Amino acid sequence: MFESIIEKSVKSQLRSDVPVGVLLSGGIDSSIITCVANSLNSNIVNYTVDFGNNKEELDNAKIISNYYG
C-alpha cells in the first residue's frame, strides 16, 4: 500500500511542461522519491547541494545520482 501511495504522489508531481528535477539530499526520503520518479520518467535530473556538514549524505546522493545517470 505504501508503494502505491508514494508512486501516486510522485506521479502527480511529474506532470509538467518543462523538465523536472529532484533535490537529492542522500537521505532515505529523497532517495525513494528519486527512485520512483526515475521509474516513471527517465528524463529526471538530480540536484544536490553541499553545505559541507554531512559527507555521508553527500556520498549517498552521489551513489543514487550515478545509479540513475
PDB file of N, CA and C in Angstrom:
ATOM      1  N   MET A   1       0.827  -1.191   0.000  1.00  0.00           N
ATOM      2  CA  MET A   1       0.000   0.000   0.000  1.00  0.00           C
ATOM      3  C   MET A   1       0.880   1.267   0.000  1.00  0.00           C
ATOM      4  N   PHE A   2       1.958   1.234   0.792  1.00  0.00           N
ATOM      5  CA  PHE A   2       2.871   2.372   0.863  1.00  0.00           C
ATOM      6  C   PHE A   2       3.431   2.706  -0.516  1.00  0.00           C
ATOM      7  N   GLU A   3       3.868   1.670  -1.234  1.00  0.00           N
ATOM      8  CA  GLU A   3       4.447   1.874  -2.564  1.00  0.00           C
ATOM      9  C   GLU A   3       3.446   2.542  -3.503  1.00  0.00           C
ATOM     10  N   SER A   4       2.214   2.120  -3.452  1.00  0.00           N
ATOM     11  CA  SER A   4       1.170   2.679  -4.307  1.00  0.00           C
ATOM     12  C   SER A   4       0.924   4.154  -3.985  1.00  0.00           C
ATOM     13  N   ILE A   5       0.906   4.493  -2.718  1.00  0.00           N
ATOM     14  CA  ILE A   5       0.673   5.883  -2.298  1.00  0.00           C
ATOM     15  C   ILE A   5       1.827   6.776  -2.747  1.00  0.00           C
ATOM     16  N   ILE A   6       3.059   6.305  -2.528  1.00  0.00           N
ATOM     17  CA  ILE A   6       4.231   7.090  -2.928  1.00  0.00           C
ATOM     18  C   ILE A   6       4.245   7.283  -4.444  1.00  0.00           C
ATOM     19  N   GLU A   7       4.000   6.200  -5.183  1.00  0.00           N
ATOM     20  CA  GLU A   7       4.014   6.292  -6.644  1.00  0.00           C
ATOM     21  C   GLU A   7       2.958   7.272  -7.144  1.00  0.00           C
ATOM     22  N   LYS A   8       1.776   7.213  -6.586  1.00  0.00           N
ATOM     23  CA  LYS A   8       0.702   8.121  -6.999  1.00  0.00           C
ATOM     24  C   LYS A   8       1.079   9.573  -6.699  1.00  0.00           C
ATOM     25  N   SER A   9       1.656   9.813  -5.548  1.00  0.00           N
ATOM     26  CA  SER A   9       2.053  11.160  -5.157  1.00  0.00           C
ATOM     27  C   SER A   9       3.159  11.706  -6.061  1.00  0.00           C
ATOM     28  N   VAL A  10       4.194  10.903  -6.304  1.00  0.00           N
ATOM     29  CA  VAL A  10       5.300  11.345  -7.157  1.00  0.00           C
ATOM     30  C   VAL A  10       4.810  11.559  -8.580  1.00  0.00           C
ATOM     31  N   LYS A  11       3.981  10.658  -9.069  1.00  0.00           N
ATOM     32  CA  LYS A  11       3.455  10.771 -10.435  1.00  0.00           C
ATOM     33  C   LYS A  11       2.699  12.080 -10.624  1.00  0.00           C
ATOM     34  N   SER A  12       1.946  12.489  -9.614  1.00  0.00           N
ATOM     35  CA  SER A  12       1.186  13.736  -9.733  1.00  0.00           C
ATOM     36  C   SER A  12       2.104  14.954  -9.809  1.00  0.00           C
ATOM     37  N   GLN A  13       3.298  14.850  -9.232  1.00  0.00           N
ATOM     38  CA  GLN A  13       4.247  15.959  -9.265  1.00  0.00           C
ATOM     39  C   GLN A  13       5.084  15.988 -10.541  1.00  0.00           C
ATOM     40  N   LEU A  14       5.042  14.929 -11.325  1.00  0.00           N
ATOM     41  CA  LEU A  14       5.828  14.856 -12.553  1.00  0.00           C
ATOM     42  C   LEU A  14       5.120  15.477 -13.747  1.00  0.00           C
ATOM     43  N   ARG A  15       3.862  15.847 -13.600  1.00  0.00           N
ATOM     44  CA  ARG A  15       3.131  16.475 -14.701  1.00  0.00           C
ATOM     45  C   ARG A  15       3.651  17.893 -14.876  1.00  0.00           C
ATOM     46  N   SER A  16       4.307  18.133 -16.006  1.00  0.00           N
ATOM     47  CA  SER A  16       4.912  19.440 -16.217  1.00  0.00           C
ATOM     48  C   SER A  16       5.183  19.669 -17.700  1.00  0.00           C
ATOM     49  N   ASP A  17       5.194  20.933 -18.085  1.00  0.00           N
ATOM     50  CA  ASP A  17       5.537  21.316 -19.455  1.00  0.00           C
ATOM     51  C   ASP A  17       7.037  21.533 -19.610  1.00  0.00           C
ATOM     52  N   VAL A  18       7.760  21.511 -18.532  1.00  0.00           N
ATOM     53  CA  VAL A  18       9.204  21.747 -18.529  1.00  0.00           C
ATOM     54  C   VAL A  18       9.904  20.556 -17.865  1.00  0.00           C
ATOM     55  N   PRO A  19      11.221  20.443 -18.045  1.00  0.00           N
ATOM     56  CA  PRO A  19      11.944  19.343 -17.398  1.00  0.00           C
ATOM     57  C   PRO A  19      11.773  19.374 -15.874  1.00  0.00           C
ATOM     58  N   VAL A  20      11.773  18.201 -15.276  1.00  0.00           N
ATOM     59  CA  VAL A  20      11.565  18.063 -13.833  1.00  0.00           C
ATOM     60  C   VAL A  20      12.851  17.582 -13.188  1.00  0.00           C
ATOM     61  N   GLY A  21      13.146  18.105 -12.009  1.00  0.00           N
ATOM     62  CA  GLY A  21      14.321  17.678 -11.267  1.00  0.00           C
ATOM     63  C   GLY A  21      13.956  17.275  -9.857  1.00  0.00           C
ATOM     64  N   VAL A  22      14.862  16.543  -9.230  1.00  0.00           N
ATOM     65  CA  VAL A  22      14.687  16.119  -7.845  1.00  0.00           C
ATOM     66  C   VAL A  22      15.850  16.678  -7.036  1.00  0.00           C
ATOM     67  N   LEU A  23      15.548  17.301  -5.905  1.00  0.00           N
ATOM     68  CA  LEU A  23      16.583  17.743  -4.989  1.00  0.00           C
ATOM     69  C   LEU A  23      16.947  16.547  -4.120  1.00  0.00           C
ATOM     70  N   LEU A  24      18.089  15.971  -4.399  1.00  0.00           N
ATOM     71  CA  LEU A  24      18.519  14.720  -3.783  1.00  0.00           C
ATOM     72  C   LEU A  24      19.503  15.014  -2.661  1.00  0.00           C
ATOM     73  N   SER A  25      19.064  14.808  -1.419  1.00  0.00           N
ATOM     74  CA  SER A  25      19.926  15.082  -0.272  1.00  0.00           C
ATOM     75  C   SER A  25      20.808  13.892   0.087  1.00  0.00           C
ATOM     76  N   GLY A  26      20.409  12.714  -0.343  1.00  0.00           N
ATOM     77  CA  GLY A  26      21.120  11.499   0.040  1.00  0.00           C
ATOM     78  C   GLY A  26      20.438  10.774   1.183  1.00  0.00           C
ATOM     79  N   GLY A  27      19.407  11.387   1.738  1.00  0.00           N
ATOM     80  CA  GLY A  27      18.622  10.745   2.787  1.00  0.00           C
ATOM     81  C   GLY A  27      17.640   9.750   2.194  1.00  0.00           C
ATOM     82  N   ILE A  28      16.991   8.995   3.050  1.00  0.00           N
ATOM     83  CA  ILE A  28      16.093   7.935   2.585  1.00  0.00           C
ATOM     84  C   ILE A  28      14.889   8.491   1.832  1.00  0.00           C
ATOM     85  N   ASP A  29      14.346   9.618   2.279  1.00  0.00           N
ATOM     86  CA  ASP A  29      13.147  10.150   1.633  1.00  0.00           C
ATOM     87  C   ASP A  29      13.423  10.648   0.215  1.00  0.00           C
ATOM     88  N   SER A  30      14.463  11.450   0.036  1.00  0.00           N
ATOM     89  CA  SER A  30      14.747  11.942  -1.318  1.00  0.00           C
ATOM     90  C   SER A  30      15.259  10.817  -2.215  1.00  0.00           C
ATOM     91  N   SER A  31      15.899   9.813  -1.637  1.00  0.00           N
ATOM     92  CA  SER A  31      16.351   8.661  -2.429  1.00  0.00           C
ATOM     93  C   SER A  31      15.170   7.859  -2.948  1.00  0.00           C
ATOM     94  N   ILE A  32      14.150   7.675  -2.115  1.00  0.00           N
ATOM     95  CA  ILE A  32      12.936   6.969  -2.533  1.00  0.00           C
ATOM     96  C   ILE A  32      12.226   7.758  -3.628  1.00  0.00           C
ATOM     97  N   ILE A  33      12.103   9.066  -3.445  1.00  0.00           N
ATOM     98  CA  ILE A  33      11.445   9.905  -4.447  1.00  0.00           C
ATOM     99  C   ILE A  33      12.201   9.836  -5.770  1.00  0.00           C
ATOM    100  N   THR A  34      13.533   9.880  -5.710  1.00  0.00           N
ATOM    101  CA  THR A  34      14.355   9.779  -6.919  1.00  0.00           C
ATOM    102  C   THR A  34      14.132   8.451  -7.614  1.00  0.00           C
ATOM    103  N   CYS A  35      14.105   7.376  -6.855  1.00  0.00           N
ATOM    104  CA  CYS A  35      13.889   6.031  -7.403  1.00  0.00           C
ATOM    105  C   CYS A  35      12.534   5.944  -8.104  1.00  0.00           C
ATOM    106  N   VAL A  36      11.498   6.383  -7.437  1.00  0.00           N
ATOM    107  CA  VAL A  36      10.150   6.303  -8.002  1.00  0.00           C
ATOM    108  C   VAL A  36      10.028   7.225  -9.216  1.00  0.00           C
ATOM    109  N   ALA A  37      10.540   8.441  -9.117  1.00  0.00           N
ATOM    110  CA  ALA A  37      10.457   9.384 -10.236  1.00  0.00           C
ATOM    111  C   ALA A  37      11.164   8.830 -11.463  1.00  0.00           C
ATOM    112  N   ASN A  38      12.322   8.234 -11.270  1.00  0.00           N
ATOM    113  CA  ASN A  38      13.055   7.671 -12.402  1.00  0.00           C
ATOM    114  C   ASN A  38      12.372   6.448 -12.979  1.00  0.00           C
ATOM    115  N   SER A  39      11.622   5.721 -12.181  1.00  0.00           N
ATOM    116  CA  SER A  39      10.885   4.573 -12.715  1.00  0.00           C
ATOM    117  C   SER A  39       9.701   5.028 -13.569  1.00  0.00           C
ATOM    118  N   LEU A  40       9.236   6.246 -13.323  1.00  0.00           N
ATOM    119  CA  LEU A  40       8.098   6.786 -14.069  1.00  0.00           C
ATOM    120  C   LEU A  40       8.520   7.667 -15.248  1.00  0.00           C
ATOM    121  N   ASN A  41       9.723   8.232 -15.171  1.00  0.00           N
ATOM    122  CA  ASN A  41      10.189   9.174 -16.186  1.00  0.00           C
ATOM    123  C   ASN A  41      11.717   9.130 -16.216  1.00  0.00           C
ATOM    124  N   SER A  42      12.280   8.694 -17.318  1.00  0.00           N
ATOM    125  CA  SER A  42      13.729   8.536 -17.393  1.00  0.00           C
ATOM    126  C   SER A  42      14.468   9.846 -17.643  1.00  0.00           C
ATOM    127  N   ASN A  43      13.760  10.957 -17.762  1.00  0.00           N
ATOM    128  CA  ASN A  43      14.395  12.252 -18.028  1.00  0.00           C
ATOM    129  C   ASN A  43      14.527  13.120 -16.778  1.00  0.00           C
ATOM    130  N   ILE A  44      14.521  12.516 -15.611  1.00  0.00           N
ATOM    131  CA  ILE A  44      14.630  13.251 -14.359  1.00  0.00           C
ATOM    132  C   ILE A  44      16.072  13.695 -14.147  1.00  0.00           C
ATOM    133  N   VAL A  45      16.250  14.940 -13.705  1.00  0.00           N
ATOM    134  CA  VAL A  45      17.570  15.470 -13.375  1.00  0.00           C
ATOM    135  C   VAL A  45      17.673  15.554 -11.856  1.00  0.00           C
ATOM    136  N   ASN A  46      18.794  15.084 -11.311  1.00  0.00           N
ATOM    137  CA  ASN A  46      19.010  15.130  -9.868  1.00  0.00           C
ATOM    138  C   ASN A  46      19.910  16.304  -9.513  1.00  0.00           C
ATOM    139  N   TYR A  47      19.556  17.013  -8.451  1.00  0.00           N
ATOM    140  CA  TYR A  47      20.359  18.127  -7.960  1.00  0.00           C
ATOM    141  C   TYR A  47      20.715  17.861  -6.505  1.00  0.00           C
ATOM    142  N   THR A  48      21.940  18.199  -6.136  1.00  0.00           N
ATOM    143  CA  THR A  48      22.387  18.071  -4.756  1.00  0.00           C
ATOM    144  C   THR A  48      23.119  19.345  -4.369  1.00  0.00           C
ATOM    145  N   VAL A  49      22.862  19.822  -3.165  1.00  0.00           N
ATOM    146  CA  VAL A  49      23.542  20.991  -2.632  1.00  0.00           C
ATOM    147  C   VAL A  49      24.370  20.533  -1.442  1.00  0.00           C
ATOM    148  N   ASP A  50      25.647  20.904  -1.438  1.00  0.00           N
ATOM    149  CA  ASP A  50      26.541  20.506  -0.358  1.00  0.00           C
ATOM    150  C   ASP A  50      26.906  21.721   0.483  1.00  0.00           C
ATOM    151  N   PHE A  51      26.546  21.673   1.762  1.00  0.00           N
ATOM    152  CA  PHE A  51      26.900  22.744   2.688  1.00  0.00           C
ATOM    153  C   PHE A  51      28.131  22.374   3.521  1.00  0.00           C
ATOM    154  N   GLY A  52      28.731  21.214   3.196  1.00  0.00           N
ATOM    155  CA  GLY A  52      29.962  20.808   3.842  1.00  0.00           C
ATOM    156  C   GLY A  52      29.817  20.242   5.237  1.00  0.00           C
ATOM    157  N   ASN A  53      28.598  19.929   5.660  1.00  0.00           N
ATOM    158  CA  ASN A  53      28.421  19.450   7.030  1.00  0.00           C
ATOM    159  C   ASN A  53      27.926  18.007   7.134  1.00  0.00           C
ATOM    160  N   ASN A  54      27.749  17.315   6.022  1.00  0.00           N
ATOM    161  CA  ASN A  54      27.285  15.940   6.109  1.00  0.00           C
ATOM    162  C   ASN A  54      27.815  15.134   4.922  1.00  0.00           C
ATOM    163  N   LYS A  55      29.052  14.704   5.032  1.00  0.00           N
ATOM    164  CA  LYS A  55      29.707  13.977   3.952  1.00  0.00           C
ATOM    165  C   LYS A  55      28.994  12.669   3.632  1.00  0.00           C
ATOM    166  N   GLU A  56      28.445  11.988   4.633  1.00  0.00           N
ATOM    167  CA  GLU A  56      27.758  10.711   4.395  1.00  0.00           C
ATOM    168  C   GLU A  56      26.561  10.883   3.460  1.00  0.00           C
ATOM    169  N   GLU A  57      25.759  11.903   3.705  1.00  0.00           N
ATOM    170  CA  GLU A  57      24.598  12.124   2.828  1.00  0.00           C
ATOM    171  C   GLU A  57      25.037  12.538   1.424  1.00  0.00           C
ATOM    172  N   LEU A  58      26.097  13.328   1.322  1.00  0.00           N
ATOM    173  CA  LEU A  58      26.606  13.707   0.010  1.00  0.00           C
ATOM    174  C   LEU A  58      27.092  12.472  -0.745  1.00  0.00           C
ATOM    175  N   ASP A  59      27.798  11.591  -0.059  1.00  0.00           N
ATOM    176  CA  ASP A  59      28.256  10.343  -0.682  1.00  0.00           C
ATOM    177  C   ASP A  59      27.070   9.496  -1.138  1.00  0.00           C
ATOM    178  N   ASN A  60      26.028   9.417  -0.305  1.00  0.00           N
ATOM    179  CA  ASN A  60      24.824   8.660  -0.675  1.00  0.00           C
ATOM    180  C   ASN A  60      24.136   9.291  -1.881  1.00  0.00           C
ATOM    181  N   ALA A  61      24.078  10.617  -1.925  1.00  0.00           N
ATOM    182  CA  ALA A  61      23.446  11.315  -3.049  1.00  0.00           C
ATOM    183  C   ALA A  61      24.206  11.019  -4.340  1.00  0.00           C
ATOM    184  N   LYS A  62      25.527  10.983  -4.273  1.00  0.00           N
ATOM    185  CA  LYS A  62      26.330  10.681  -5.453  1.00  0.00           C
ATOM    186  C   LYS A  62      26.045   9.259  -5.947  1.00  0.00           C
ATOM    187  N   ILE A  63      25.938   8.317  -5.028  1.00  0.00           N
ATOM    188  CA  ILE A  63      25.656   6.923  -5.394  1.00  0.00           C
ATOM    189  C   ILE A  63      24.312   6.827  -6.109  1.00  0.00           C
ATOM    190  N   ILE A  64      23.278   7.418  -5.520  1.00  0.00           N
ATOM    191  CA  ILE A  64      21.930   7.367  -6.107  1.00  0.00           C
ATOM    192  C   ILE A  64      21.915   8.086  -7.454  1.00  0.00           C
ATOM    193  N   SER A  65      22.513   9.257  -7.518  1.00  0.00           N
ATOM    194  CA  SER A  65      22.527  10.029  -8.765  1.00  0.00           C
ATOM    195  C   SER A  65      23.276   9.289  -9.863  1.00  0.00           C
ATOM    196  N   ASN A  66      24.411   8.721  -9.535  1.00  0.00           N
ATOM    197  CA  ASN A  66      25.171   7.951 -10.538  1.00  0.00           C
ATOM    198  C   ASN A  66      24.394   6.728 -11.014  1.00  0.00           C
ATOM    199  N   TYR A  67      23.675   6.089 -10.107  1.00  0.00           N
ATOM    200  CA  TYR A  67      22.893   4.913 -10.480  1.00  0.00           C
ATOM    201  C   TYR A  67      21.849   5.258 -11.532  1.00  0.00           C
ATOM    202  N   TYR A  68      21.218   6.413 -11.377  1.00  0.00           N
ATOM    203  CA  TYR A  68      20.163   6.829 -12.304  1.00  0.00           C
ATOM    204  C   TYR A  68      20.673   7.702 -13.444  1.00  0.00           C
ATOM    205  N   GLY A  69      21.984   7.901 -13.506  1.00  0.00           N
ATOM    206  CA  GLY A  69      22.575   8.666 -14.611  1.00  0.00           C
ATOM    207  C   GLY A  69      22.383  10.133 -14.461  1.00  0.00           C
TER     208      GLY A  69
END
